[in-house]
Amino acid sequence: MRFYCSYLPKDEVTTQNGIPVTTVPRTLFDLAGAVSRSQFERAVNEAEIRRLWDALSLADLLERHPRRPGAAAIRGVIGAGPRITRSDLEDCFTAFRKAASLPPPATNLVLYIGGRWIEADCVWREQRLMVELDSHTYHGTRASFESDRARDRALTAAGWRVVRVTWRQLHDEPDALAEDLRAALTLSPVARSLRQNAGDA
């Protein structure tokens, strides 16, 4: 059996129950060089579902250690988009919402819908509208893609509308996004039902 020792920067380690361990992104980074691509994708997707964020992202680690085993797998999973962390995206959406004078939503709300527990990023209950903030670092995986679509289908069946918002939309087309969200928030569930029935007639 072989053991390897290496120095880890302080932002790549944390403690659990008083025991020093690597952060979730660093653990995933190491895992990428030891398991198959599909196993790595599932691990990244699980971290997304459990919201195991950290200030130092996989993209940050990849920039810091570009030649580590598994670097190619990480590039394939997270893609080549801008390095936007989850907290960055949430802060950006909050600033956008305030600038657009949109009403404040409930955030990180856990709801029981369609026979399953769902944690939603932004929720306007009265309008039955959800905004999901999609970070390519996690939502770009194949497993996450399938999970997101199944989740959206269950929400639609339960009478909710889901709007997925990316960093690029917030950055490149904030006016169009604001207009769409404003329209969605103005339309009440009763009005939506009447409009749909009129269209079916």
C-alpha atoms as a PDB file:
ATOM      1  CA  MET A   1       0.000   0.000   0.000  1.00  0.00           C
ATOM      2  CA  ARG A   2       1.299   3.444  -0.927  1.00  0.00           C
ATOM      3  CA  PHE A   3       0.703   6.714   0.855  1.00  0.00           C
ATOM      4  CA  TYR A   4       1.253  10.168  -0.568  1.00  0.00           C
ATOM      5  CA  CYS A   5       1.698  13.388   1.357  1.00  0.00           C
ATOM      6  CA  SER A   6       1.360  16.902   0.013  1.00  0.00           C
ATOM      7  CA  TYR A   7       0.880  20.402   1.335  1.00  0.00           C
ATOM      8  CA  LEU A   8      -2.649  21.746   0.972  1.00  0.00           C
ATOM      9  CA  PRO A   9      -3.451  25.472   1.082  1.00  0.00           C
ATOM     10  CA  LYS A  10      -5.760  26.564   3.899  1.00  0.00           C
ATOM     11  CA  ASP A  11      -8.673  27.218   1.533  1.00  0.00           C
ATOM     12  CA  GLU A  12      -8.623  23.569   0.378  1.00  0.00           C
ATOM     13  CA  VAL A  13      -9.150  22.091   3.844  1.00  0.00           C
ATOM     14  CA  THR A  14     -11.790  22.346   6.556  1.00  0.00           C
ATOM     15  CA  THR A  15     -12.818  20.410   9.663  1.00  0.00           C
ATOM     16  CA  GLN A  16     -15.672  18.032  10.381  1.00  0.00           C
ATOM     17  CA  ASN A  17     -16.278  17.056  14.007  1.00  0.00           C
ATOM     18  CA  GLY A  18     -12.823  18.371  14.803  1.00  0.00           C
ATOM     19  CA  ILE A  19     -11.152  16.236  12.121  1.00  0.00           C
ATOM     20  CA  PRO A  20      -9.197  17.974   9.321  1.00  0.00           C
ATOM     21  CA  VAL A  21     -10.607  17.045   5.890  1.00  0.00           C
ATOM     22  CA  THR A  22     -10.469  18.436   2.383  1.00  0.00           C
ATOM     23  CA  THR A  23     -13.269  20.721   1.216  1.00  0.00           C
ATOM     24  CA  VAL A  24     -15.952  19.288  -1.046  1.00  0.00           C
ATOM     25  CA  PRO A  25     -14.526  20.918  -4.219  1.00  0.00           C
ATOM     26  CA  ARG A  26     -11.025  19.661  -3.376  1.00  0.00           C
ATOM     27  CA  THR A  27     -12.394  16.179  -2.660  1.00  0.00           C
ATOM     28  CA  LEU A  28     -14.179  16.207  -6.018  1.00  0.00           C
ATOM     29  CA  PHE A  29     -11.004  17.479  -7.656  1.00  0.00           C
ATOM     30  CA  ASP A  30      -9.029  14.520  -6.288  1.00  0.00           C
ATOM     31  CA  LEU A  31     -11.847  12.129  -7.139  1.00  0.00           C
ATOM     32  CA  ALA A  32     -11.753  13.146 -10.799  1.00  0.00           C
ATOM     33  CA  GLY A  33      -8.419  11.397 -11.265  1.00  0.00           C
ATOM     34  CA  ALA A  34      -9.474   8.191  -9.526  1.00  0.00           C
ATOM     35  CA  VAL A  35     -12.911   7.285 -10.901  1.00  0.00           C
ATOM     36  CA  SER A  36     -14.679   7.091 -14.244  1.00  0.00           C
ATOM     37  CA  ARG A  37     -16.159  10.141 -15.946  1.00  0.00           C
ATOM     38  CA  SER A  38     -19.721   9.022 -15.212  1.00  0.00           C
ATOM     39  CA  GLN A  39     -18.927   8.433 -11.532  1.00  0.00           C
ATOM     40  CA  PHE A  40     -17.335  11.858 -11.296  1.00  0.00           C
ATOM     41  CA  GLU A  41     -20.395  13.472 -12.916  1.00  0.00           C
ATOM     42  CA  ARG A  42     -22.673  11.777 -10.394  1.00  0.00           C
ATOM     43  CA  ALA A  43     -20.508  13.004  -7.510  1.00  0.00           C
ATOM     44  CA  VAL A  44     -20.589  16.585  -8.824  1.00  0.00           C
ATOM     45  CA  ASN A  45     -24.347  16.340  -9.295  1.00  0.00           C
ATOM     46  CA  GLU A  46     -24.791  15.094  -5.732  1.00  0.00           C
ATOM     47  CA  ALA A  47     -22.773  18.039  -4.433  1.00  0.00           C
ATOM     48  CA  GLU A  48     -25.092  20.345  -6.388  1.00  0.00           C
ATOM     49  CA  ILE A  49     -28.226  18.699  -4.999  1.00  0.00           C
ATOM     50  CA  ARG A  50     -26.905  18.931  -1.441  1.00  0.00           C
ATOM     51  CA  ARG A  51     -25.734  22.533  -2.031  1.00  0.00           C
ATOM     52  CA  LEU A  52     -22.236  21.806  -0.776  1.00  0.00           C
ATOM     53  CA  TRP A  53     -20.775  25.107  -1.952  1.00  0.00           C
ATOM     54  CA  ASP A  54     -17.396  26.536  -1.092  1.00  0.00           C
ATOM     55  CA  ALA A  55     -15.674  29.823  -1.827  1.00  0.00           C
ATOM     56  CA  LEU A  56     -13.032  27.916  -3.810  1.00  0.00           C
ATOM     57  CA  SER A  57     -14.733  26.274  -6.801  1.00  0.00           C
ATOM     58  CA  LEU A  58     -13.702  23.405  -9.047  1.00  0.00           C
ATOM     59  CA  ALA A  59     -12.808  25.962 -11.707  1.00  0.00           C
ATOM     60  CA  ASP A  60     -10.525  27.746  -9.209  1.00  0.00           C
ATOM     61  CA  LEU A  61      -8.807  24.479  -8.354  1.00  0.00           C
ATOM     62  CA  LEU A  62      -8.406  23.642 -12.016  1.00  0.00           C
ATOM     63  CA  GLU A  63      -6.682  26.969 -12.593  1.00  0.00           C
ATOM     64  CA  ARG A  64      -4.451  26.377  -9.583  1.00  0.00           C
ATOM     65  CA  HIS A  65      -3.561  22.760 -10.487  1.00  0.00           C
ATOM     66  CA  PRO A  66      -3.970  22.517 -14.283  1.00  0.00           C
ATOM     67  CA  ARG A  67      -1.860  19.346 -14.654  1.00  0.00           C
ATOM     68  CA  ARG A  68      -3.298  17.255 -11.854  1.00  0.00           C
ATOM     69  CA  PRO A  69      -4.735  13.834 -12.748  1.00  0.00           C
ATOM     70  CA  GLY A  70      -8.367  14.240 -13.674  1.00  0.00           C
ATOM     71  CA  ALA A  71      -7.991  17.814 -14.945  1.00  0.00           C
ATOM     72  CA  ALA A  72      -9.305  16.819 -18.376  1.00  0.00           C
ATOM     73  CA  ALA A  73     -12.373  15.184 -16.836  1.00  0.00           C
ATOM     74  CA  ILE A  74     -13.076  18.302 -14.775  1.00  0.00           C
ATOM     75  CA  ARG A  75     -12.815  20.535 -17.848  1.00  0.00           C
ATOM     76  CA  GLY A  76     -15.252  18.274 -19.658  1.00  0.00           C
ATOM     77  CA  VAL A  77     -17.780  18.397 -16.832  1.00  0.00           C
ATOM     78  CA  ILE A  78     -17.712  22.077 -15.866  1.00  0.00           C
ATOM     79  CA  GLY A  79     -17.215  23.413 -19.395  1.00  0.00           C
ATOM     80  CA  ALA A  80     -15.338  26.518 -20.387  1.00  0.00           C
ATOM     81  CA  GLY A  81     -17.783  29.226 -19.281  1.00  0.00           C
ATOM     82  CA  PRO A  82     -17.052  32.107 -16.909  1.00  0.00           C
ATOM     83  CA  ARG A  83     -15.995  31.070 -13.404  1.00  0.00           C
ATOM     84  CA  ILE A  84     -19.116  32.091 -11.520  1.00  0.00           C
ATOM     85  CA  THR A  85     -19.685  30.548  -8.104  1.00  0.00           C
ATOM     86  CA  ARG A  86     -23.101  29.891  -6.617  1.00  0.00           C
ATOM     87  CA  SER A  87     -22.840  32.818  -4.218  1.00  0.00           C
ATOM     88  CA  ASP A  88     -21.755  35.078  -7.092  1.00  0.00           C
ATOM     89  CA  LEU A  89     -24.865  34.097  -9.034  1.00  0.00           C
ATOM     90  CA  GLU A  90     -27.171  34.643  -6.067  1.00  0.00           C
ATOM     91  CA  ASP A  91     -25.645  38.070  -5.374  1.00  0.00           C
ATOM     92  CA  CYS A  92     -25.933  38.993  -9.038  1.00  0.00           C
ATOM     93  CA  PHE A  93     -29.608  37.989  -9.169  1.00  0.00           C
ATOM     94  CA  THR A  94     -30.400  39.939  -5.984  1.00  0.00           C
ATOM     95  CA  ALA A  95     -28.802  43.076  -7.424  1.00  0.00           C
ATOM     96  CA  PHE A  96     -30.656  42.533 -10.713  1.00  0.00           C
ATOM     97  CA  ARG A  97     -34.010  42.048  -8.944  1.00  0.00           C
ATOM     98  CA  LYS A  98     -33.607  45.231  -6.922  1.00  0.00           C
ATOM     99  CA  ALA A  99     -32.570  47.261  -9.973  1.00  0.00           C
ATOM    100  CA  ALA A 100     -35.613  45.937 -11.853  1.00  0.00           C
ATOM    101  CA  SER A 101     -37.912  46.742  -8.882  1.00  0.00           C
ATOM    102  CA  LEU A 102     -39.202  43.172  -8.764  1.00  0.00           C
ATOM    103  CA  PRO A 103     -40.846  42.042  -5.508  1.00  0.00           C
ATOM    104  CA  PRO A 104     -38.594  40.031  -3.180  1.00  0.00           C
ATOM    105  CA  PRO A 105     -39.065  36.257  -3.323  1.00  0.00           C
ATOM    106  CA  ALA A 106     -38.662  33.676  -0.599  1.00  0.00           C
ATOM    107  CA  THR A 107     -35.222  32.157  -1.092  1.00  0.00           C
ATOM    108  CA  ASN A 108     -33.816  28.655  -0.623  1.00  0.00           C
ATOM    109  CA  LEU A 109     -37.297  27.465   0.287  1.00  0.00           C
ATOM    110  CA  VAL A 110     -37.978  23.757   0.839  1.00  0.00           C
ATOM    111  CA  LEU A 111     -41.399  22.678  -0.445  1.00  0.00           C
ATOM    112  CA  TYR A 112     -43.169  19.328  -0.688  1.00  0.00           C
ATOM    113  CA  ILE A 113     -44.483  19.199  -4.248  1.00  0.00           C
ATOM    114  CA  GLY A 114     -45.548  16.278  -6.395  1.00  0.00           C
ATOM    115  CA  GLY A 115     -44.635  13.720  -3.768  1.00  0.00           C
ATOM    116  CA  ARG A 116     -41.068  14.952  -3.295  1.00  0.00           C
ATOM    117  CA  TRP A 117     -39.156  17.557  -1.331  1.00  0.00           C
ATOM    118  CA  ILE A 118     -37.815  20.354  -3.516  1.00  0.00           C
ATOM    119  CA  GLU A 119     -35.489  23.163  -2.518  1.00  0.00           C
ATOM    120  CA  ALA A 120     -36.181  26.167  -4.710  1.00  0.00           C
ATOM    121  CA  ASP A 121     -33.841  29.105  -5.198  1.00  0.00           C
ATOM    122  CA  CYS A 122     -36.464  31.870  -5.467  1.00  0.00           C
ATOM    123  CA  VAL A 123     -40.196  31.452  -4.902  1.00  0.00           C
ATOM    124  CA  TRP A 124     -43.157  33.773  -5.364  1.00  0.00           C
ATOM    125  CA  ARG A 125     -45.912  31.708  -3.746  1.00  0.00           C
ATOM    126  CA  GLU A 126     -48.951  33.746  -4.824  1.00  0.00           C
ATOM    127  CA  GLN A 127     -47.937  33.609  -8.476  1.00  0.00           C
ATOM    128  CA  ARG A 128     -46.690  30.004  -8.122  1.00  0.00           C
ATOM    129  CA  LEU A 129     -43.478  31.055  -9.822  1.00  0.00           C
ATOM    130  CA  MET A 130     -39.973  29.739  -9.199  1.00  0.00           C
ATOM    131  CA  VAL A 131     -36.655  31.035 -10.454  1.00  0.00           C
ATOM    132  CA  GLU A 132     -33.800  28.561 -10.512  1.00  0.00           C
ATOM    133  CA  LEU A 133     -30.280  29.967 -10.761  1.00  0.00           C
ATOM    134  CA  ASP A 134     -28.286  27.657 -12.995  1.00  0.00           C
ATOM    135  CA  SER A 135     -24.528  27.566 -12.552  1.00  0.00           C
ATOM    136  CA  HIS A 136     -22.809  25.783 -15.432  1.00  0.00           C
ATOM    137  CA  THR A 137     -20.197  24.428 -13.031  1.00  0.00           C
ATOM    138  CA  TYR A 138     -22.811  21.999 -11.724  1.00  0.00           C
ATOM    139  CA  HIS A 139     -25.898  22.147 -13.921  1.00  0.00           C
ATOM    140  CA  GLY A 140     -23.823  21.418 -17.023  1.00  0.00           C
ATOM    141  CA  THR A 141     -23.414  17.757 -16.129  1.00  0.00           C
ATOM    142  CA  ARG A 142     -25.470  15.101 -17.915  1.00  0.00           C
ATOM    143  CA  ALA A 143     -26.949  13.748 -14.669  1.00  0.00           C
ATOM    144  CA  SER A 144     -27.943  17.241 -13.539  1.00  0.00           C
ATOM    145  CA  PHE A 145     -29.486  17.985 -16.933  1.00  0.00           C
ATOM    146  CA  GLU A 146     -31.782  14.950 -16.620  1.00  0.00           C
ATOM    147  CA  SER A 147     -32.586  15.647 -12.965  1.00  0.00           C
ATOM    148  CA  ASP A 148     -33.472  19.278 -13.677  1.00  0.00           C
ATOM    149  CA  ARG A 149     -35.903  18.301 -16.450  1.00  0.00           C
ATOM    150  CA  ALA A 150     -37.623  15.674 -14.292  1.00  0.00           C
ATOM    151  CA  ARG A 151     -37.916  18.219 -11.493  1.00  0.00           C
ATOM    152  CA  ASP A 152     -39.375  20.870 -13.805  1.00  0.00           C
ATOM    153  CA  ARG A 153     -41.876  18.361 -15.178  1.00  0.00           C
ATOM    154  CA  ALA A 154     -43.120  17.513 -11.674  1.00  0.00           C
ATOM    155  CA  LEU A 155     -43.424  21.200 -10.806  1.00  0.00           C
ATOM    156  CA  THR A 156     -45.355  21.976 -13.986  1.00  0.00           C
ATOM    157  CA  ALA A 157     -47.731  19.096 -13.277  1.00  0.00           C
ATOM    158  CA  ALA A 158     -48.333  20.580  -9.823  1.00  0.00           C
ATOM    159  CA  GLY A 159     -49.206  23.981 -11.287  1.00  0.00           C
ATOM    160  CA  TRP A 160     -45.904  25.790 -10.845  1.00  0.00           C
ATOM    161  CA  ARG A 161     -43.937  27.718 -13.449  1.00  0.00           C
ATOM    162  CA  VAL A 162     -40.162  27.429 -13.451  1.00  0.00           C
ATOM    163  CA  VAL A 163     -37.857  30.018 -14.983  1.00  0.00           C
ATOM    164  CA  ARG A 164     -34.191  29.045 -15.230  1.00  0.00           C
ATOM    165  CA  VAL A 165     -31.790  31.987 -15.100  1.00  0.00           C
ATOM    166  CA  THR A 166     -28.104  31.861 -15.978  1.00  0.00           C
ATOM    167  CA  TRP A 167     -25.257  34.266 -15.374  1.00  0.00           C
ATOM    168  CA  ARG A 168     -25.103  35.092 -19.083  1.00  0.00           C
ATOM    169  CA  GLN A 169     -28.779  36.091 -19.087  1.00  0.00           C
ATOM    170  CA  LEU A 170     -28.241  38.341 -16.080  1.00  0.00           C
ATOM    171  CA  HIS A 171     -25.144  39.848 -17.664  1.00  0.00           C
ATOM    172  CA  ASP A 172     -26.100  40.066 -21.345  1.00  0.00           C
ATOM    173  CA  GLU A 173     -29.878  40.559 -21.401  1.00  0.00           C
ATOM    174  CA  PRO A 174     -31.082  41.939 -18.052  1.00  0.00           C
ATOM    175  CA  ASP A 175     -33.795  44.147 -19.620  1.00  0.00           C
ATOM    176  CA  ALA A 176     -35.435  41.271 -21.474  1.00  0.00           C
ATOM    177  CA  LEU A 177     -35.197  39.041 -18.404  1.00  0.00           C
ATOM    178  CA  ALA A 178     -36.715  41.733 -16.191  1.00  0.00           C
ATOM    179  CA  GLU A 179     -39.594  42.232 -18.645  1.00  0.00           C
ATOM    180  CA  ASP A 180     -40.332  38.502 -18.757  1.00  0.00           C
ATOM    181  CA  LEU A 181     -40.248  38.096 -14.981  1.00  0.00           C
ATOM    182  CA  ARG A 182     -42.372  41.198 -14.470  1.00  0.00           C
ATOM    183  CA  ALA A 183     -44.995  39.777 -16.842  1.00  0.00           C
ATOM    184  CA  ALA A 184     -44.893  36.399 -15.114  1.00  0.00           C
ATOM    185  CA  LEU A 185     -45.331  37.992 -11.693  1.00  0.00           C
ATOM    186  CA  THR A 186     -48.187  40.223 -12.851  1.00  0.00           C
ATOM    187  CA  LEU A 187     -50.209  37.311 -14.210  1.00  0.00           C
ATOM    188  CA  SER A 188     -52.126  35.688 -11.360  1.00  0.00           C
ATOM    189  CA  PRO A 189     -52.978  31.951 -11.329  1.00  0.00           C
ATOM    190  CA  VAL A 190     -56.662  32.752 -12.020  1.00  0.00           C
ATOM    191  CA  ALA A 191     -55.757  34.983 -14.967  1.00  0.00           C
ATOM    192  CA  ARG A 192     -53.464  32.308 -16.354  1.00  0.00           C
ATOM    193  CA  SER A 193     -56.251  29.732 -16.121  1.00  0.00           C
ATOM    194  CA  LEU A 194     -58.735  32.040 -17.875  1.00  0.00           C
ATOM    195  CA  ARG A 195     -56.215  32.823 -20.610  1.00  0.00           C
ATOM    196  CA  GLN A 196     -55.489  29.144 -21.147  1.00  0.00           C
ATOM    197  CA  ASN A 197     -59.199  28.256 -21.279  1.00  0.00           C
ATOM    198  CA  ALA A 198     -59.812  31.046 -23.788  1.00  0.00           C
ATOM    199  CA  GLY A 199     -57.035  29.711 -25.959  1.00  0.00           C
ATOM    200  CA  ASP A 200     -58.465  26.193 -25.852  1.00  0.00           C
ATOM    201  CA  ALA A 201     -61.944  27.362 -26.829  1.00  0.00           C
END
